[in-house]
């Protein structure tokens, strides 16, 4: 089993922020040549979720998905069957990592 690179933050990244805080962490990622602004970072989540609006906006095709059969519980408490899974390269600053996204057609309070 290989080691997955992780995106992390240093003390330098906290400059000009009030600490401690309990605000949501929002960052910008580059995905497929597009800057995705206001990406919500939820370190308590066990899955990387991408909603279908973003999936379509990145001009990804349904055939780019691989199967993902495990149901998930959405923000509204309803069980959702994901559309599938996709592996994409994500750039944050100078770091590039490969991320497996589960693609969901569900309501998100953050979109």
PDB file of N, CA and C in Angstrom:
ATOM      1  N   UNK A   1       0.847  -1.179   0.000  1.00  0.00           N
ATOM      2  CA  UNK A   1       0.000   0.000   0.000  1.00  0.00           C
ATOM      3  C   UNK A   1       0.887   1.234   0.000  1.00  0.00           C
ATOM      4  N   UNK A   2       0.713   2.116  -0.981  1.00  0.00           N
ATOM      5  CA  UNK A   2       1.531   3.311  -1.097  1.00  0.00           C
ATOM      6  C   UNK A   2       1.063   4.425  -0.180  1.00  0.00           C
ATOM      7  N   UNK A   3       1.925   5.366   0.037  1.00  0.00           N
ATOM      8  CA  UNK A   3       1.598   6.521   0.867  1.00  0.00           C
ATOM      9  C   UNK A   3       0.925   7.570  -0.008  1.00  0.00           C
ATOM     10  N   UNK A   4      -0.243   8.057   0.425  1.00  0.00           N
ATOM     11  CA  UNK A   4      -0.937   9.117  -0.306  1.00  0.00           C
ATOM     12  C   UNK A   4      -0.427  10.465   0.156  1.00  0.00           C
ATOM     13  N   UNK A   5      -0.013  11.332  -0.773  1.00  0.00           N
ATOM     14  CA  UNK A   5       0.406  12.663  -0.351  1.00  0.00           C
ATOM     15  C   UNK A   5      -0.777  13.418   0.236  1.00  0.00           C
ATOM     16  N   UNK A   6      -0.503  14.258   1.201  1.00  0.00           N
ATOM     17  CA  UNK A   6      -1.559  15.028   1.859  1.00  0.00           C
ATOM     18  C   UNK A   6      -1.287  16.516   1.678  1.00  0.00           C
ATOM     19  N   UNK A   7      -2.365  17.262   1.525  1.00  0.00           N
ATOM     20  CA  UNK A   7      -2.239  18.711   1.541  1.00  0.00           C
ATOM     21  C   UNK A   7      -2.332  19.132   2.995  1.00  0.00           C
ATOM     22  N   UNK A   8      -1.386  19.952   3.440  1.00  0.00           N
ATOM     23  CA  UNK A   8      -1.389  20.394   4.830  1.00  0.00           C
ATOM     24  C   UNK A   8      -1.034  21.872   4.888  1.00  0.00           C
ATOM     25  N   UNK A   9      -1.203  22.455   6.058  1.00  0.00           N
ATOM     26  CA  UNK A   9      -0.977  23.884   6.238  1.00  0.00           C
ATOM     27  C   UNK A   9       0.048  24.102   7.344  1.00  0.00           C
ATOM     28  N   UNK A  10       0.895  25.118   7.159  1.00  0.00           N
ATOM     29  CA  UNK A  10       1.934  25.423   8.139  1.00  0.00           C
ATOM     30  C   UNK A  10       1.567  26.692   8.907  1.00  0.00           C
ATOM     31  N   UNK A  11       2.396  27.056   9.879  1.00  0.00           N
ATOM     32  CA  UNK A  11       2.179  28.297  10.624  1.00  0.00           C
ATOM     33  C   UNK A  11       2.220  29.517   9.706  1.00  0.00           C
ATOM     34  N   UNK A  12       3.021  29.452   8.644  1.00  0.00           N
ATOM     35  CA  UNK A  12       3.072  30.563   7.689  1.00  0.00           C
ATOM     36  C   UNK A  12       1.721  30.793   7.027  1.00  0.00           C
ATOM     37  N   UNK A  13       0.941  29.721   6.858  1.00  0.00           N
ATOM     38  CA  UNK A  13      -0.373  29.841   6.229  1.00  0.00           C
ATOM     39  C   UNK A  13      -1.389  30.538   7.132  1.00  0.00           C
ATOM     40  N   UNK A  14      -1.080  30.642   8.423  1.00  0.00           N
ATOM     41  CA  UNK A  14      -2.003  31.278   9.377  1.00  0.00           C
ATOM     42  C   UNK A  14      -1.815  32.786   9.485  1.00  0.00           C
ATOM     43  N   UNK A  15      -0.814  33.308   8.791  1.00  0.00           N
ATOM     44  CA  UNK A  15      -0.543  34.745   8.856  1.00  0.00           C
ATOM     45  C   UNK A  15      -1.800  35.507   8.439  1.00  0.00           C
ATOM     46  N   UNK A  16      -2.110  36.563   9.169  1.00  0.00           N
ATOM     47  CA  UNK A  16      -3.280  37.424   8.948  1.00  0.00           C
ATOM     48  C   UNK A  16      -4.608  36.717   9.235  1.00  0.00           C
ATOM     49  N   UNK A  17      -4.589  35.690  10.079  1.00  0.00           N
ATOM     50  CA  UNK A  17      -5.840  35.068  10.522  1.00  0.00           C
ATOM     51  C   UNK A  17      -5.930  35.172  12.038  1.00  0.00           C
ATOM     52  N   UNK A  18      -7.136  35.181  12.562  1.00  0.00           N
ATOM     53  CA  UNK A  18      -7.340  35.207  14.013  1.00  0.00           C
ATOM     54  C   UNK A  18      -7.379  33.774  14.522  1.00  0.00           C
ATOM     55  N   UNK A  19      -6.564  33.472  15.496  1.00  0.00           N
ATOM     56  CA  UNK A  19      -6.490  32.112  16.044  1.00  0.00           C
ATOM     57  C   UNK A  19      -6.821  32.142  17.525  1.00  0.00           C
ATOM     58  N   UNK A  20      -7.408  31.160  18.132  1.00  0.00           N
ATOM     59  CA  UNK A  20      -8.051  30.029  17.458  1.00  0.00           C
ATOM     60  C   UNK A  20      -9.367  30.485  16.833  1.00  0.00           C
ATOM     61  N   UNK A  21      -9.870  29.685  15.897  1.00  0.00           N
ATOM     62  CA  UNK A  21     -11.138  30.021  15.255  1.00  0.00           C
ATOM     63  C   UNK A  21     -11.915  28.745  14.964  1.00  0.00           C
ATOM     64  N   UNK A  22     -13.191  28.899  14.682  1.00  0.00           N
ATOM     65  CA  UNK A  22     -14.013  27.740  14.333  1.00  0.00           C
ATOM     66  C   UNK A  22     -14.757  27.985  13.016  1.00  0.00           C
ATOM     67  N   UNK A  23     -14.201  28.897  12.204  1.00  0.00           N
ATOM     68  CA  UNK A  23     -14.792  29.183  10.902  1.00  0.00           C
ATOM     69  C   UNK A  23     -14.441  28.070   9.920  1.00  0.00           C
ATOM     70  N   UNK A  24     -15.275  27.920   8.900  1.00  0.00           N
ATOM     71  CA  UNK A  24     -14.980  26.961   7.849  1.00  0.00           C
ATOM     72  C   UNK A  24     -13.728  27.395   7.095  1.00  0.00           C
ATOM     73  N   UNK A  25     -12.910  26.435   6.708  1.00  0.00           N
ATOM     74  CA  UNK A  25     -11.706  26.715   5.930  1.00  0.00           C
ATOM     75  C   UNK A  25     -12.065  26.603   4.454  1.00  0.00           C
ATOM     76  N   UNK A  26     -11.848  27.685   3.719  1.00  0.00           N
ATOM     77  CA  UNK A  26     -12.130  27.719   2.292  1.00  0.00           C
ATOM     78  C   UNK A  26     -10.822  27.993   1.563  1.00  0.00           C
ATOM     79  N   UNK A  27     -10.531  27.191   0.543  1.00  0.00           N
ATOM     80  CA  UNK A  27      -9.299  27.351  -0.221  1.00  0.00           C
ATOM     81  C   UNK A  27      -9.623  27.350  -1.716  1.00  0.00           C
ATOM     82  N   UNK A  28      -8.615  27.640  -2.533  1.00  0.00           N
ATOM     83  CA  UNK A  28      -8.750  27.576  -3.989  1.00  0.00           C
ATOM     84  C   UNK A  28      -7.900  26.429  -4.504  1.00  0.00           C
ATOM     85  N   UNK A  29      -8.497  25.572  -5.322  1.00  0.00           N
ATOM     86  CA  UNK A  29      -7.790  24.463  -5.971  1.00  0.00           C
ATOM     87  C   UNK A  29      -7.855  24.660  -7.476  1.00  0.00           C
ATOM     88  N   UNK A  30      -6.861  24.162  -8.172  1.00  0.00           N
ATOM     89  CA  UNK A  30      -6.886  24.147  -9.635  1.00  0.00           C
ATOM     90  C   UNK A  30      -7.200  22.716 -10.050  1.00  0.00           C
ATOM     91  N   UNK A  31      -8.313  22.577 -10.794  1.00  0.00           N
ATOM     92  CA  UNK A  31      -8.750  21.270 -11.260  1.00  0.00           C
ATOM     93  C   UNK A  31      -9.005  21.364 -12.761  1.00  0.00           C
ATOM     94  N   UNK A  32      -8.303  20.549 -13.534  1.00  0.00           N
ATOM     95  CA  UNK A  32      -8.478  20.501 -15.000  1.00  0.00           C
ATOM     96  C   UNK A  32      -8.374  21.884 -15.643  1.00  0.00           C
ATOM     97  N   UNK A  33      -7.445  22.719 -15.140  1.00  0.00           N
ATOM     98  CA  UNK A  33      -7.218  24.026 -15.724  1.00  0.00           C
ATOM     99  C   UNK A  33      -8.144  25.126 -15.223  1.00  0.00           C
ATOM    100  N   UNK A  34      -9.044  24.804 -14.306  1.00  0.00           N
ATOM    101  CA  UNK A  34      -9.975  25.782 -13.747  1.00  0.00           C
ATOM    102  C   UNK A  34      -9.631  26.053 -12.290  1.00  0.00           C
ATOM    103  N   UNK A  35      -9.731  27.313 -11.864  1.00  0.00           N
ATOM    104  CA  UNK A  35      -9.556  27.645 -10.444  1.00  0.00           C
ATOM    105  C   UNK A  35     -10.904  27.475  -9.756  1.00  0.00           C
ATOM    106  N   UNK A  36     -10.967  26.524  -8.815  1.00  0.00           N
ATOM    107  CA  UNK A  36     -12.167  26.291  -8.024  1.00  0.00           C
ATOM    108  C   UNK A  36     -12.016  27.095  -6.741  1.00  0.00           C
ATOM    109  N   UNK A  37     -12.730  28.206  -6.655  1.00  0.00           N
ATOM    110  CA  UNK A  37     -12.625  29.076  -5.491  1.00  0.00           C
ATOM    111  C   UNK A  37     -13.649  28.654  -4.449  1.00  0.00           C
ATOM    112  N   UNK A  38     -13.359  28.964  -3.225  1.00  0.00           N
ATOM    113  CA  UNK A  38     -14.245  28.671  -2.104  1.00  0.00           C
ATOM    114  C   UNK A  38     -14.517  27.174  -1.941  1.00  0.00           C
ATOM    115  N   UNK A  39     -13.460  26.366  -2.009  1.00  0.00           N
ATOM    116  CA  UNK A  39     -13.581  24.933  -1.756  1.00  0.00           C
ATOM    117  C   UNK A  39     -13.635  24.746  -0.252  1.00  0.00           C
ATOM    118  N   UNK A  40     -14.688  24.112   0.224  1.00  0.00           N
ATOM    119  CA  UNK A  40     -14.851  23.873   1.653  1.00  0.00           C
ATOM    120  C   UNK A  40     -14.000  22.685   2.068  1.00  0.00           C
ATOM    121  N   UNK A  41     -13.156  22.879   3.070  1.00  0.00           N
ATOM    122  CA  UNK A  41     -12.324  21.809   3.616  1.00  0.00           C
ATOM    123  C   UNK A  41     -12.982  21.321   4.891  1.00  0.00           C
ATOM    124  N   UNK A  42     -13.359  20.061   4.908  1.00  0.00           N
ATOM    125  CA  UNK A  42     -13.992  19.440   6.072  1.00  0.00           C
ATOM    126  C   UNK A  42     -13.134  18.261   6.493  1.00  0.00           C
ATOM    127  N   UNK A  43     -12.256  18.491   7.453  1.00  0.00           N
ATOM    128  CA  UNK A  43     -11.335  17.426   7.842  1.00  0.00           C
ATOM    129  C   UNK A  43     -12.022  16.296   8.582  1.00  0.00           C
ATOM    130  N   UNK A  44     -13.298  16.456   8.921  1.00  0.00           N
ATOM    131  CA  UNK A  44     -14.040  15.384   9.563  1.00  0.00           C
ATOM    132  C   UNK A  44     -14.724  14.468   8.575  1.00  0.00           C
ATOM    133  N   UNK A  45     -14.681  14.816   7.301  1.00  0.00           N
ATOM    134  CA  UNK A  45     -15.360  14.012   6.290  1.00  0.00           C
ATOM    135  C   UNK A  45     -14.492  12.844   5.860  1.00  0.00           C
ATOM    136  N   UNK A  46     -15.127  11.711   5.633  1.00  0.00           N
ATOM    137  CA  UNK A  46     -14.400  10.530   5.185  1.00  0.00           C
ATOM    138  C   UNK A  46     -14.422  10.370   3.682  1.00  0.00           C
ATOM    139  N   UNK A  47     -15.044  11.300   2.956  1.00  0.00           N
ATOM    140  CA  UNK A  47     -15.159  11.183   1.505  1.00  0.00           C
ATOM    141  C   UNK A  47     -14.950  12.540   0.846  1.00  0.00           C
ATOM    142  N   UNK A  48     -14.400  12.508  -0.348  1.00  0.00           N
ATOM    143  CA  UNK A  48     -14.245  13.724  -1.147  1.00  0.00           C
ATOM    144  C   UNK A  48     -15.434  13.754  -2.098  1.00  0.00           C
ATOM    145  N   UNK A  49     -16.329  14.708  -1.902  1.00  0.00           N
ATOM    146  CA  UNK A  49     -17.574  14.767  -2.657  1.00  0.00           C
ATOM    147  C   UNK A  49     -17.489  15.834  -3.744  1.00  0.00           C
ATOM    148  N   UNK A  50     -17.966  15.493  -4.935  1.00  0.00           N
ATOM    149  CA  UNK A  50     -18.118  16.459  -6.019  1.00  0.00           C
ATOM    150  C   UNK A  50     -19.572  16.371  -6.482  1.00  0.00           C
ATOM    151  N   UNK A  51     -20.222  17.518  -6.547  1.00  0.00           N
ATOM    152  CA  UNK A  51     -21.616  17.545  -6.979  1.00  0.00           C
ATOM    153  C   UNK A  51     -21.681  17.631  -8.500  1.00  0.00           C
ATOM    154  N   UNK A  52     -22.788  17.153  -9.067  1.00  0.00           N
ATOM    155  CA  UNK A  52     -22.900  17.041 -10.516  1.00  0.00           C
ATOM    156  C   UNK A  52     -22.777  18.376 -11.242  1.00  0.00           C
ATOM    157  N   UNK A  53     -23.191  19.475 -10.624  1.00  0.00           N
ATOM    158  CA  UNK A  53     -23.039  20.781 -11.281  1.00  0.00           C
ATOM    159  C   UNK A  53     -21.567  21.075 -11.579  1.00  0.00           C
ATOM    160  N   UNK A  54     -20.689  20.820 -10.609  1.00  0.00           N
ATOM    161  CA  UNK A  54     -19.256  21.030 -10.828  1.00  0.00           C
ATOM    162  C   UNK A  54     -18.737  20.019 -11.837  1.00  0.00           C
ATOM    163  N   UNK A  55     -19.157  18.772 -11.721  1.00  0.00           N
ATOM    164  CA  UNK A  55     -18.723  17.724 -12.646  1.00  0.00           C
ATOM    165  C   UNK A  55     -19.009  18.136 -14.091  1.00  0.00           C
ATOM    166  N   UNK A  56     -20.217  18.602 -14.330  1.00  0.00           N
ATOM    167  CA  UNK A  56     -20.591  19.049 -15.679  1.00  0.00           C
ATOM    168  C   UNK A  56     -19.830  20.316 -16.065  1.00  0.00           C
ATOM    169  N   UNK A  57     -19.633  21.234 -15.101  1.00  0.00           N
ATOM    170  CA  UNK A  57     -18.906  22.469 -15.369  1.00  0.00           C
ATOM    171  C   UNK A  57     -17.459  22.233 -15.762  1.00  0.00           C
ATOM    172  N   UNK A  58     -16.878  21.140 -15.281  1.00  0.00           N
ATOM    173  CA  UNK A  58     -15.505  20.780 -15.659  1.00  0.00           C
ATOM    174  C   UNK A  58     -15.465  20.051 -16.999  1.00  0.00           C
ATOM    175  N   UNK A  59     -16.629  19.912 -17.622  1.00  0.00           N
ATOM    176  CA  UNK A  59     -16.773  19.239 -18.918  1.00  0.00           C
ATOM    177  C   UNK A  59     -16.338  17.785 -18.866  1.00  0.00           C
ATOM    178  N   UNK A  60     -16.600  17.161 -17.725  1.00  0.00           N
ATOM    179  CA  UNK A  60     -16.355  15.737 -17.598  1.00  0.00           C
ATOM    180  C   UNK A  60     -17.571  14.994 -18.151  1.00  0.00           C
ATOM    181  N   UNK A  61     -17.351  13.837 -18.690  1.00  0.00           N
ATOM    182  CA  UNK A  61     -18.423  13.071 -19.322  1.00  0.00           C
ATOM    183  C   UNK A  61     -18.869  11.928 -18.416  1.00  0.00           C
ATOM    184  N   UNK A  62     -20.107  11.474 -18.569  1.00  0.00           N
ATOM    185  CA  UNK A  62     -20.581  10.335 -17.768  1.00  0.00           C
ATOM    186  C   UNK A  62     -19.678   9.117 -17.913  1.00  0.00           C
ATOM    187  N   UNK A  63     -19.109   8.908 -19.090  1.00  0.00           N
ATOM    188  CA  UNK A  63     -18.244   7.740 -19.293  1.00  0.00           C
ATOM    189  C   UNK A  63     -16.893   7.865 -18.598  1.00  0.00           C
ATOM    190  N   UNK A  64     -16.565   9.055 -18.063  1.00  0.00           N
ATOM    191  CA  UNK A  64     -15.326   9.232 -17.295  1.00  0.00           C
ATOM    192  C   UNK A  64     -15.449   8.655 -15.885  1.00  0.00           C
ATOM    193  N   UNK A  65     -16.679   8.369 -15.449  1.00  0.00           N
ATOM    194  CA  UNK A  65     -16.922   7.842 -14.110  1.00  0.00           C
ATOM    195  C   UNK A  65     -16.624   6.353 -14.036  1.00  0.00           C
ATOM    196  N   UNK A  66     -16.121   5.925 -12.887  1.00  0.00           N
ATOM    197  CA  UNK A  66     -16.050   4.501 -12.574  1.00  0.00           C
ATOM    198  C   UNK A  66     -17.150   4.224 -11.553  1.00  0.00           C
ATOM    199  N   UNK A  67     -17.508   2.961 -11.407  1.00  0.00           N
ATOM    200  CA  UNK A  67     -18.640   2.648 -10.521  1.00  0.00           C
ATOM    201  C   UNK A  67     -18.272   2.866  -9.056  1.00  0.00           C
ATOM    202  N   UNK A  68     -19.290   3.234  -8.292  1.00  0.00           N
ATOM    203  CA  UNK A  68     -19.178   3.396  -6.836  1.00  0.00           C
ATOM    204  C   UNK A  68     -20.547   3.033  -6.286  1.00  0.00           C
ATOM    205  N   UNK A  69     -20.639   1.900  -5.621  1.00  0.00           N
ATOM    206  CA  UNK A  69     -21.936   1.340  -5.268  1.00  0.00           C
ATOM    207  C   UNK A  69     -22.395   1.584  -3.835  1.00  0.00           C
ATOM    208  N   UNK A  70     -21.563   2.145  -2.998  1.00  0.00           N
ATOM    209  CA  UNK A  70     -21.954   2.349  -1.597  1.00  0.00           C
ATOM    210  C   UNK A  70     -22.831   3.587  -1.454  1.00  0.00           C
ATOM    211  N   UNK A  71     -23.992   3.455  -0.822  1.00  0.00           N
ATOM    212  CA  UNK A  71     -24.839   4.636  -0.615  1.00  0.00           C
ATOM    213  C   UNK A  71     -24.219   5.573   0.421  1.00  0.00           C
ATOM    214  N   UNK A  72     -24.525   6.859   0.293  1.00  0.00           N
ATOM    215  CA  UNK A  72     -24.052   7.876   1.234  1.00  0.00           C
ATOM    216  C   UNK A  72     -25.254   8.605   1.805  1.00  0.00           C
ATOM    217  N   UNK A  73     -25.063   9.258   2.943  1.00  0.00           N
ATOM    218  CA  UNK A  73     -26.120  10.073   3.542  1.00  0.00           C
ATOM    219  C   UNK A  73     -25.807  11.527   3.247  1.00  0.00           C
ATOM    220  N   UNK A  74     -26.749  12.237   2.597  1.00  0.00           N
ATOM    221  CA  UNK A  74     -26.563  13.632   2.227  1.00  0.00           C
ATOM    222  C   UNK A  74     -26.736  14.556   3.412  1.00  0.00           C
ATOM    223  N   UNK A  75     -26.501  15.858   3.187  1.00  0.00           N
ATOM    224  CA  UNK A  75     -26.641  16.859   4.241  1.00  0.00           C
ATOM    225  C   UNK A  75     -28.062  16.905   4.782  1.00  0.00           C
ATOM    226  N   UNK A  76     -29.030  16.546   3.953  1.00  0.00           N
ATOM    227  CA  UNK A  76     -30.426  16.586   4.382  1.00  0.00           C
ATOM    228  C   UNK A  76     -30.858  15.303   5.089  1.00  0.00           C
ATOM    229  N   UNK A  77     -29.933  14.367   5.305  1.00  0.00           N
ATOM    230  CA  UNK A  77     -30.230  13.127   6.011  1.00  0.00           C
ATOM    231  C   UNK A  77     -30.757  12.016   5.131  1.00  0.00           C
ATOM    232  N   UNK A  78     -30.926  12.284   3.841  1.00  0.00           N
ATOM    233  CA  UNK A  78     -31.446  11.274   2.924  1.00  0.00           C
ATOM    234  C   UNK A  78     -30.304  10.435   2.360  1.00  0.00           C
ATOM    235  N   UNK A  79     -30.597   9.164   2.116  1.00  0.00           N
ATOM    236  CA  UNK A  79     -29.623   8.280   1.504  1.00  0.00           C
ATOM    237  C   UNK A  79     -29.551   8.563   0.011  1.00  0.00           C
ATOM    238  N   UNK A  80     -28.332   8.674  -0.504  1.00  0.00           N
ATOM    239  CA  UNK A  80     -28.107   8.999  -1.911  1.00  0.00           C
ATOM    240  C   UNK A  80     -27.214   7.926  -2.515  1.00  0.00           C
ATOM    241  N   UNK A  81     -27.577   7.479  -3.708  1.00  0.00           N
ATOM    242  CA  UNK A  81     -26.723   6.559  -4.452  1.00  0.00           C
ATOM    243  C   UNK A  81     -25.834   7.418  -5.357  1.00  0.00           C
ATOM    244  N   UNK A  82     -24.514   7.386  -5.166  1.00  0.00           N
ATOM    245  CA  UNK A  82     -23.624   8.207  -5.993  1.00  0.00           C
ATOM    246  C   UNK A  82     -23.714   7.844  -7.470  1.00  0.00           C
ATOM    247  N   UNK A  83     -23.423   8.834  -8.315  1.00  0.00           N
ATOM    248  CA  UNK A  83     -23.377   8.614  -9.761  1.00  0.00           C
ATOM    249  C   UNK A  83     -22.167   7.778 -10.147  1.00  0.00           C
ATOM    250  N   UNK A  84     -21.103   7.880  -9.354  1.00  0.00           N
ATOM    251  CA  UNK A  84     -19.877   7.143  -9.623  1.00  0.00           C
ATOM    252  C   UNK A  84     -18.699   7.821  -8.955  1.00  0.00           C
ATOM    253  N   UNK A  85     -17.517   7.462  -9.390  1.00  0.00           N
ATOM    254  CA  UNK A  85     -16.280   7.976  -8.803  1.00  0.00           C
ATOM    255  C   UNK A  85     -15.342   8.379  -9.930  1.00  0.00           C
ATOM    256  N   UNK A  86     -14.523   9.403  -9.664  1.00  0.00           N
ATOM    257  CA  UNK A  86     -13.525   9.840 -10.642  1.00  0.00           C
ATOM    258  C   UNK A  86     -12.250  10.258  -9.922  1.00  0.00           C
ATOM    259  N   UNK A  87     -11.130   9.958 -10.529  1.00  0.00           N
ATOM    260  CA  UNK A  87      -9.808  10.317  -9.996  1.00  0.00           C
ATOM    261  C   UNK A  87      -9.303  11.520 -10.780  1.00  0.00           C
ATOM    262  N   UNK A  88      -8.973  12.619 -10.068  1.00  0.00           N
ATOM    263  CA  UNK A  88      -8.501  13.845 -10.715  1.00  0.00           C
ATOM    264  C   UNK A  88      -7.264  14.379 -10.011  1.00  0.00           C
ATOM    265  N   UNK A  89      -6.407  15.066 -10.759  1.00  0.00           N
ATOM    266  CA  UNK A  89      -5.270  15.766 -10.168  1.00  0.00           C
ATOM    267  C   UNK A  89      -5.737  17.128  -9.686  1.00  0.00           C
ATOM    268  N   UNK A  90      -5.368  17.471  -8.456  1.00  0.00           N
ATOM    269  CA  UNK A  90      -5.740  18.730  -7.816  1.00  0.00           C
ATOM    270  C   UNK A  90      -4.458  19.476  -7.482  1.00  0.00           C
ATOM    271  N   UNK A  91      -4.420  20.771  -7.817  1.00  0.00           N
ATOM    272  CA  UNK A  91      -3.262  21.598  -7.481  1.00  0.00           C
ATOM    273  C   UNK A  91      -3.666  22.631  -6.449  1.00  0.00           C
ATOM    274  N   UNK A  92      -2.901  22.691  -5.372  1.00  0.00           N
ATOM    275  CA  UNK A  92      -3.061  23.713  -4.334  1.00  0.00           C
ATOM    276  C   UNK A  92      -1.687  24.341  -4.140  1.00  0.00           C
ATOM    277  N   UNK A  93      -1.549  25.567  -4.596  1.00  0.00           N
ATOM    278  CA  UNK A  93      -0.227  26.195  -4.577  1.00  0.00           C
ATOM    279  C   UNK A  93       0.695  25.433  -5.503  1.00  0.00           C
ATOM    280  N   UNK A  94       1.837  24.989  -5.004  1.00  0.00           N
ATOM    281  CA  UNK A  94       2.773  24.230  -5.837  1.00  0.00           C
ATOM    282  C   UNK A  94       2.593  22.723  -5.694  1.00  0.00           C
ATOM    283  N   UNK A  95       1.698  22.284  -4.807  1.00  0.00           N
ATOM    284  CA  UNK A  95       1.477  20.859  -4.569  1.00  0.00           C
ATOM    285  C   UNK A  95       0.401  20.313  -5.499  1.00  0.00           C
ATOM    286  N   UNK A  96       0.650  19.134  -6.056  1.00  0.00           N
ATOM    287  CA  UNK A  96      -0.328  18.444  -6.894  1.00  0.00           C
ATOM    288  C   UNK A  96      -0.551  17.058  -6.303  1.00  0.00           C
ATOM    289  N   UNK A  97      -1.819  16.725  -6.062  1.00  0.00           N
ATOM    290  CA  UNK A  97      -2.156  15.405  -5.530  1.00  0.00           C
ATOM    291  C   UNK A  97      -3.299  14.820  -6.353  1.00  0.00           C
ATOM    292  N   UNK A  98      -3.383  13.502  -6.352  1.00  0.00           N
ATOM    293  CA  UNK A  98      -4.459  12.802  -7.028  1.00  0.00           C
ATOM    294  C   UNK A  98      -5.556  12.523  -6.005  1.00  0.00           C
ATOM    295  N   UNK A  99      -6.788  12.879  -6.341  1.00  0.00           N
ATOM    296  CA  UNK A  99      -7.904  12.742  -5.408  1.00  0.00           C
ATOM    297  C   UNK A  99      -9.009  11.913  -6.056  1.00  0.00           C
ATOM    298  N   UNK A 100      -9.563  10.977  -5.292  1.00  0.00           N
ATOM    299  CA  UNK A 100     -10.728  10.212  -5.723  1.00  0.00           C
ATOM    300  C   UNK A 100     -11.973  10.936  -5.242  1.00  0.00           C
ATOM    301  N   UNK A 101     -12.782  11.435  -6.167  1.00  0.00           N
ATOM    302  CA  UNK A 101     -14.021  12.118  -5.828  1.00  0.00           C
ATOM    303  C   UNK A 101     -15.197  11.180  -6.031  1.00  0.00           C
ATOM    304  N   UNK A 102     -16.136  11.220  -5.117  1.00  0.00           N
ATOM    305  CA  UNK A 102     -17.407  10.538  -5.282  1.00  0.00           C
ATOM    306  C   UNK A 102     -18.372  11.583  -5.826  1.00  0.00           C
ATOM    307  N   UNK A 103     -18.976  11.299  -6.973  1.00  0.00           N
ATOM    308  CA  UNK A 103     -19.851  12.254  -7.636  1.00  0.00           C
ATOM    309  C   UNK A 103     -21.288  11.975  -7.215  1.00  0.00           C
ATOM    310  N   UNK A 104     -21.937  13.032  -6.685  1.00  0.00           N
ATOM    311  CA  UNK A 104     -23.302  12.904  -6.158  1.00  0.00           C
ATOM    312  C   UNK A 104     -24.228  13.903  -6.820  1.00  0.00           C
ATOM    313  N   UNK A 105     -25.443  13.458  -7.067  1.00  0.00           N
ATOM    314  CA  UNK A 105     -26.499  14.341  -7.551  1.00  0.00           C
ATOM    315  C   UNK A 105     -27.408  14.565  -6.347  1.00  0.00           C
ATOM    316  N   UNK A 106     -27.026  15.531  -5.500  1.00  0.00           N
ATOM    317  CA  UNK A 106     -27.749  15.788  -4.254  1.00  0.00           C
ATOM    318  C   UNK A 106     -27.634  17.263  -3.904  1.00  0.00           C
ATOM    319  N   UNK A 107     -28.479  17.696  -3.015  1.00  0.00           N
ATOM    320  CA  UNK A 107     -28.462  19.075  -2.534  1.00  0.00           C
ATOM    321  C   UNK A 107     -27.258  19.329  -1.650  1.00  0.00           C
ATOM    322  N   UNK A 108     -26.619  20.472  -1.831  1.00  0.00           N
ATOM    323  CA  UNK A 108     -25.536  20.891  -0.954  1.00  0.00           C
ATOM    324  C   UNK A 108     -25.830  22.301  -0.455  1.00  0.00           C
ATOM    325  N   UNK A 109     -25.806  22.509   0.855  1.00  0.00           N
ATOM    326  CA  UNK A 109     -26.036  23.855   1.367  1.00  0.00           C
ATOM    327  C   UNK A 109     -24.897  24.815   1.038  1.00  0.00           C
ATOM    328  N   UNK A 110     -23.785  24.315   0.534  1.00  0.00           N
ATOM    329  CA  UNK A 110     -22.612  25.136   0.255  1.00  0.00           C
ATOM    330  C   UNK A 110     -22.522  25.582  -1.193  1.00  0.00           C
ATOM    331  N   UNK A 111     -23.392  25.097  -2.069  1.00  0.00           N
ATOM    332  CA  UNK A 111     -23.311  25.465  -3.490  1.00  0.00           C
ATOM    333  C   UNK A 111     -24.152  26.692  -3.776  1.00  0.00           C
TER     334      UNK A 111
END
